[in-house]
Protein backbone atom coordinates (compact mmCIF):
# COMPACT_ATOMS: atom_id res chain seq x y z
CA MET A 1 34.24 280.65 295.90
CA ASN A 2 33.84 277.39 297.77
CA ASN A 3 35.66 274.60 296.00
CA ASN A 4 34.08 271.95 298.25
CA THR A 5 30.74 272.50 296.53
CA ASN A 6 29.88 270.34 293.53
CA LEU A 7 29.90 271.94 290.11
CA TYR A 8 26.69 272.13 288.08
CA PRO A 9 25.58 273.25 284.58
CA LEU A 10 26.57 276.90 284.17
CA SER A 11 24.80 279.68 282.30
CA PHE A 12 26.33 283.05 281.44
CA LYS A 13 25.46 286.69 280.95
CA PRO A 14 25.53 287.60 277.25
CA ILE A 15 28.05 290.14 275.98
CA PHE A 16 26.63 292.39 273.25
CA ILE A 17 28.99 293.98 270.71
CA ASP A 18 27.91 296.32 267.90
CA ARG A 19 29.84 296.05 264.63
CA VAL A 20 29.84 298.16 261.47
CA TRP A 21 28.19 295.22 259.67
CA GLY A 22 25.71 294.22 262.41
CA ALA A 23 26.08 292.79 265.92
CA GLU A 24 27.55 289.91 267.90
CA THR A 25 26.24 288.23 271.04
CA TRP A 26 29.02 286.42 272.89
CA VAL A 27 27.32 283.65 274.87
CA LEU A 28 30.50 282.04 276.27
CA SER A 29 33.91 283.69 276.17
CA GLY A 30 37.21 282.80 277.81
CA LEU A 31 38.87 285.89 276.33
CA ASN A 32 40.23 287.72 279.36
CA ARG A 33 39.37 291.25 278.21
CA ASP A 34 35.73 290.19 277.49
CA VAL A 35 35.25 287.14 279.70
CA SER A 36 31.85 285.61 280.43
CA VAL A 37 30.26 286.05 283.87
CA ILE A 38 28.33 283.13 285.37
CA GLU A 39 24.70 284.02 286.03
CA ASN A 40 23.35 281.03 287.99
CA GLY A 41 24.00 279.09 291.20
CA PHE A 42 26.59 279.76 293.90
CA LEU A 43 29.21 280.79 291.31
CA LYS A 44 26.99 283.64 290.10
CA GLY A 45 29.02 286.81 289.55
CA ASN A 46 32.33 285.02 288.97
CA THR A 47 33.85 284.77 285.52
CA ILE A 48 34.40 281.45 283.77
CA ASN A 49 38.17 281.96 284.14
CA GLU A 50 37.89 282.69 287.88
CA ALA A 51 35.96 279.44 288.29
CA LEU A 52 38.61 277.68 286.21
CA GLU A 53 41.39 278.94 288.52
CA VAL A 54 39.66 277.23 291.45
CA TYR A 55 38.16 274.10 289.91
CA LEU A 56 40.92 273.34 287.38
CA ALA A 57 40.38 269.96 285.69
CA ASP A 58 37.03 269.48 287.46
CA LEU A 59 35.66 272.24 285.24
CA VAL A 60 37.22 271.48 281.86
CA GLY A 61 38.89 268.05 282.14
CA ALA A 62 42.49 267.06 282.89
CA GLY A 63 43.77 266.98 279.32
CA ILE A 64 42.18 270.31 278.43
CA TYR A 65 43.44 271.98 281.60
CA ASP A 66 46.97 270.74 280.93
CA ALA A 67 46.80 272.21 277.43
CA CYS A 68 45.01 275.50 278.15
CA GLY A 69 45.55 276.41 281.81
CA ASP A 70 43.38 279.07 283.43
CA GLU A 71 41.84 280.45 280.23
CA PHE A 72 38.68 278.81 278.94
CA PRO A 73 39.69 277.72 275.42
CA LEU A 74 36.61 278.67 273.38
CA LEU A 75 34.62 281.69 272.26
CA ILE A 76 31.01 280.93 271.25
CA LYS A 77 28.77 283.59 269.76
CA TYR A 78 25.78 284.43 267.61
CA LEU A 79 26.36 286.81 264.67
CA ASN A 80 23.68 289.01 263.08
CA VAL A 81 25.27 290.07 259.79
CA ASN A 82 23.28 292.74 257.96
CA GLY A 83 26.10 294.36 255.97
CA PHE A 84 29.24 292.49 254.93
CA LEU A 85 32.11 291.38 257.15
CA SER A 86 35.46 292.54 255.85
CA VAL A 87 37.37 290.03 253.74
CA GLN A 88 39.70 288.70 256.41
CA VAL A 89 41.99 285.95 257.60
CA HIS A 90 43.13 284.75 261.00
CA PRO A 91 46.64 283.57 261.92
CA ASP A 92 47.42 280.09 263.21
CA ASP A 93 48.72 279.38 266.71
CA LYS A 94 52.39 279.67 265.80
CA ARG A 95 52.08 283.03 264.08
CA ALA A 96 49.62 284.45 266.64
CA ALA A 97 51.95 283.50 269.49
CA ALA A 98 54.98 285.09 267.79
CA MET A 99 53.21 288.28 266.68
CA HIS A 100 50.54 288.86 269.32
CA HIS A 101 51.22 286.58 272.31
CA ALA A 102 47.79 285.08 271.64
CA TYR A 103 46.15 281.95 270.27
CA GLY A 104 45.39 281.58 266.59
CA LYS A 105 41.82 281.49 265.37
CA THR A 106 40.22 278.48 263.78
CA GLU A 107 36.43 278.75 263.68
CA MET A 108 33.20 277.34 262.25
CA TRP A 109 29.96 278.95 261.10
CA TYR A 110 26.57 277.25 261.48
CA ILE A 111 23.94 278.99 259.37
CA LEU A 112 20.83 279.70 261.45
CA ASP A 113 19.11 281.96 258.93
CA ALA A 114 20.09 283.07 255.44
CA ARG A 115 17.92 285.71 253.83
CA PRO A 116 17.69 286.41 250.08
CA GLY A 117 20.92 288.08 249.01
CA ALA A 118 23.03 286.45 251.74
CA ARG A 119 26.46 285.32 250.63
CA LEU A 120 29.54 283.58 252.03
CA TYR A 121 33.00 284.09 250.57
CA LEU A 122 35.26 281.18 251.54
CA GLY A 123 38.75 280.65 250.18
CA PHE A 124 40.11 281.13 246.68
CA ASN A 125 38.36 279.57 243.69
CA ARG A 126 41.76 278.85 242.13
CA GLY A 127 45.39 278.67 243.21
CA MET A 128 46.77 282.11 243.98
CA THR A 129 50.24 283.61 244.33
CA PRO A 130 50.98 286.32 246.89
CA GLU A 131 51.67 288.71 243.99
CA GLU A 132 48.30 287.99 242.35
CA PHE A 133 46.54 288.34 245.67
CA TYR A 134 48.19 291.69 246.35
CA SER A 135 47.15 292.91 242.90
CA HIS A 136 43.52 291.90 243.47
CA CYS A 137 43.55 293.75 246.78
CA GLU A 138 44.90 296.92 245.15
CA ASN A 139 42.37 296.68 242.31
CA GLU A 140 39.50 295.84 244.71
CA THR A 141 38.69 292.69 242.72
CA LEU A 142 39.40 290.19 245.49
CA PRO A 143 35.81 288.82 245.74
CA GLN A 144 36.06 287.74 242.07
CA VAL A 145 38.73 285.14 242.89
CA MET A 146 36.97 283.78 246.01
CA ASN A 147 34.28 281.09 246.25
CA CYS A 148 30.94 282.91 246.43
CA ILE A 149 28.36 280.70 248.15
CA THR A 150 24.62 281.13 248.57
CA PRO A 151 24.24 279.67 252.09
CA VAL A 152 21.33 277.52 253.23
CA ASN A 153 19.92 277.23 256.74
CA GLY A 154 21.50 274.31 258.61
CA GLU A 155 24.81 274.29 256.74
CA CYS A 156 28.05 274.35 258.71
CA TYR A 157 31.32 275.66 257.27
CA PHE A 158 34.70 274.97 258.88
CA ILE A 159 37.13 277.89 258.62
CA PRO A 160 40.69 276.97 259.61
CA ALA A 161 43.28 279.62 260.37
CA GLY A 162 44.72 280.86 257.06
CA LEU A 163 41.47 280.55 255.07
CA ILE A 164 40.39 283.92 253.69
CA HIS A 165 36.68 284.57 254.21
CA ALA A 166 33.79 287.03 254.47
CA CYS A 167 30.00 286.95 254.62
CA GLY A 168 26.99 289.23 254.63
CA GLY A 169 23.72 290.27 253.10
CA GLY A 170 21.41 289.06 255.86
CA LEU A 171 22.73 286.16 257.93
CA THR A 172 22.31 284.81 261.42
CA ILE A 173 25.21 282.53 262.36
CA ALA A 174 26.28 280.48 265.36
CA GLU A 175 30.06 280.66 265.59
CA VAL A 176 32.43 278.42 267.55
CA GLN A 177 36.08 279.42 267.63
CA GLN A 178 39.35 279.34 269.52
CA VAL A 179 39.62 281.91 272.28
CA SER A 180 41.19 284.58 270.08
CA ASP A 181 40.17 287.88 268.52
CA ILE A 182 43.05 288.35 266.08
CA THR A 183 41.76 289.38 262.65
CA TYR A 184 43.68 290.60 259.60
CA ARG A 185 41.43 292.64 257.26
CA VAL A 186 42.42 292.85 253.60
CA TYR A 187 39.33 294.36 251.93
CA ASP A 188 36.31 296.14 253.42
CA TRP A 189 33.84 296.55 250.52
CA GLY A 190 34.73 300.23 250.07
CA ARG A 191 34.16 301.19 253.71
CA GLU A 192 37.91 301.73 254.02
CA HIS A 193 37.59 304.82 251.78
CA ASN A 194 35.02 306.53 254.02
CA ARG A 195 36.48 308.40 256.97
CA GLN A 196 33.44 307.55 259.09
CA THR A 197 33.55 303.79 258.46
CA ALA A 198 37.25 303.17 257.74
CA ARG A 199 38.94 300.53 259.87
CA LYS A 200 42.57 299.52 260.02
CA MET A 201 43.69 297.13 257.29
CA HIS A 202 46.36 294.46 257.73
CA LEU A 203 47.47 293.46 254.24
CA GLU A 204 51.15 292.96 255.05
CA LEU A 205 50.38 290.80 258.09
CA ALA A 206 47.84 288.80 256.10
CA LEU A 207 50.29 287.91 253.33
CA ASP A 208 52.23 285.64 255.68
CA ALA A 209 49.09 284.09 257.21
CA ILE A 210 47.00 283.19 254.13
CA ASN A 211 46.69 279.75 252.56
CA PHE A 212 46.88 280.57 248.83
CA SER A 213 45.70 277.14 247.64
CA LYS A 214 42.40 276.60 245.88
CA HIS A 215 39.64 275.85 248.41
CA ILE A 216 36.60 273.63 247.78
CA PRO A 217 33.82 274.46 250.27
CA ASP A 218 32.26 271.35 251.80
CA PRO A 219 29.43 272.17 254.21
CA ALA A 220 28.31 269.64 256.83
CA THR A 221 24.63 269.40 257.73
CA SER A 222 24.31 266.51 260.20
CA GLY A 223 26.22 264.46 262.76
CA VAL A 224 29.72 265.70 263.53
CA LEU A 225 29.89 269.17 261.96
CA ALA A 226 33.50 269.95 262.87
CA ASP A 227 36.33 267.91 264.37
CA SER A 228 39.57 269.80 264.92
CA PRO A 229 42.28 269.98 267.61
CA TYR A 230 40.48 273.05 268.98
CA PHE A 231 36.84 271.98 269.12
CA LYS A 232 34.52 269.15 268.19
CA VAL A 233 30.92 270.06 267.33
CA ARG A 234 28.02 267.65 266.86
CA LEU A 235 24.46 268.49 265.83
CA LEU A 236 21.73 267.03 268.05
CA ASP A 237 18.15 266.97 266.75
CA LEU A 238 15.85 266.13 269.67
CA ASP A 239 12.16 265.92 270.42
CA GLN A 240 12.49 263.66 273.48
CA PRO A 241 14.74 263.86 276.58
CA MET A 242 18.22 262.41 276.07
CA GLU A 243 20.23 260.87 278.92
CA ILE A 244 23.99 261.35 278.82
CA ASP A 245 26.61 259.28 280.64
CA GLY A 246 29.69 261.49 280.75
CA SER A 247 31.47 259.59 283.52
CA ALA A 248 34.33 258.49 281.25
CA LEU A 249 34.50 261.68 279.18
CA ASP A 250 36.66 263.94 281.40
CA LYS A 251 35.78 266.98 279.28
CA PHE A 252 33.42 269.90 279.57
CA VAL A 253 30.44 269.88 277.20
CA VAL A 254 28.70 273.04 275.97
CA TYR A 255 25.18 272.95 274.52
CA LEU A 256 24.11 275.80 272.26
CA GLU A 257 20.56 276.32 271.00
CA VAL A 258 20.19 276.56 267.23
CA GLY A 259 16.47 275.77 267.24
CA GLY A 260 13.91 275.21 269.99
CA SER A 261 14.95 275.49 273.64
CA LEU A 262 17.40 273.80 275.96
CA GLY A 263 17.13 272.54 279.53
CA ILE A 264 19.41 270.19 281.45
CA GLU A 265 18.61 268.12 284.54
CA THR A 266 21.24 266.65 286.84
CA ASP A 267 20.94 265.35 290.41
CA GLY A 268 17.25 266.17 290.29
CA VAL A 269 17.83 269.88 289.56
CA TYR A 270 16.68 271.54 286.32
CA TYR A 271 18.87 274.18 284.64
CA ARG A 272 17.85 276.56 281.88
CA SER A 273 19.61 279.42 280.12
CA GLU A 274 17.93 282.45 278.62
CA ASN A 275 21.19 282.87 276.72
CA GLY A 276 20.74 279.64 274.74
CA CYS A 277 23.98 278.19 276.16
CA LEU A 278 24.80 275.83 279.04
CA LEU A 279 28.19 274.42 280.04
CA VAL A 280 28.27 271.02 281.74
CA PRO A 281 31.53 270.76 283.76
CA ALA A 282 33.78 267.73 283.38
CA SER A 283 33.04 266.60 286.95
CA VAL A 284 29.32 266.16 286.22
CA ASN A 285 28.93 262.47 285.35
CA TYR A 286 25.28 262.11 284.36
CA TRP A 287 22.75 264.54 282.95
CA LYS A 288 19.57 264.64 280.93
CA ILE A 289 18.94 267.05 278.06
CA ILE A 290 15.31 268.18 278.12
CA PRO A 291 14.28 269.84 274.85
CA GLY A 292 11.43 272.30 274.62
CA GLY A 293 9.57 270.61 271.78
CA LYS A 294 11.55 269.93 268.61
CA THR A 295 15.00 271.27 269.39
CA LYS A 296 18.35 271.46 267.59
CA LEU A 297 21.54 271.86 269.63
CA LEU A 298 25.22 272.16 268.94
CA GLU A 299 27.12 269.88 271.32
CA ILE A 300 30.55 271.44 271.71
CA THR A 301 33.68 270.16 273.42
CA ARG A 302 37.40 270.08 272.78
């Protein structure tokens, strides 16, 4: 790599992963065992983390590089959920570091398409004790004490580490999360009893990670969808080009298609991604978003 050459909007090769409940398409991953490969420009063929090792703060911004080092801090994906995800929970940073030498996993789900019969299960619908929770797991009645939501296209749900959750029944979701793949499964809709579909369960680990308080789901549908220490996500609804002055930002910005199509122009050069995702490095000061007709984008940074 030549670090005397100016950075530019980056696109990436998708990573396809089949799951028992459907499939995932990872459009941007800093996870070292499944890291995204750049597919455009002179950095083509290098991973996002290899580029980060060379370009440092020029790629992600000084504050982000100081906090995260040579691992890109996000994992962004599309989920196609035909069956049901296991009822699961993710540990926070402190527990993930102690148990797994990894980051915790806070995430958000933006509903792209919800078909009849689709459901989200988010948090407990009343306060719970560990003993009650354990009993519901043993009796396979856990969904009865969780919030069961009929999702609507365009809703965004924030899922902090410690919040028990599941979904399924015909959903397409855009997911933004910390760069982590630590999941504790506690219930798998009966698949755990079938030798062909059984997956490892993590009930004992989950007990120390779960927030047992009552949760009140509060979906966002416009403006800033999520604002956490790990990512900030804003919904852009465009039908005309939008000029951005990022000269004082000192942060990377990722744009993810959730409707329409995305192009970005900077220094007179047009960039497009077949993957639906473009990363604008922190060192790029000015750019123009060029939508393909009426377009909705998630604008993602940290």
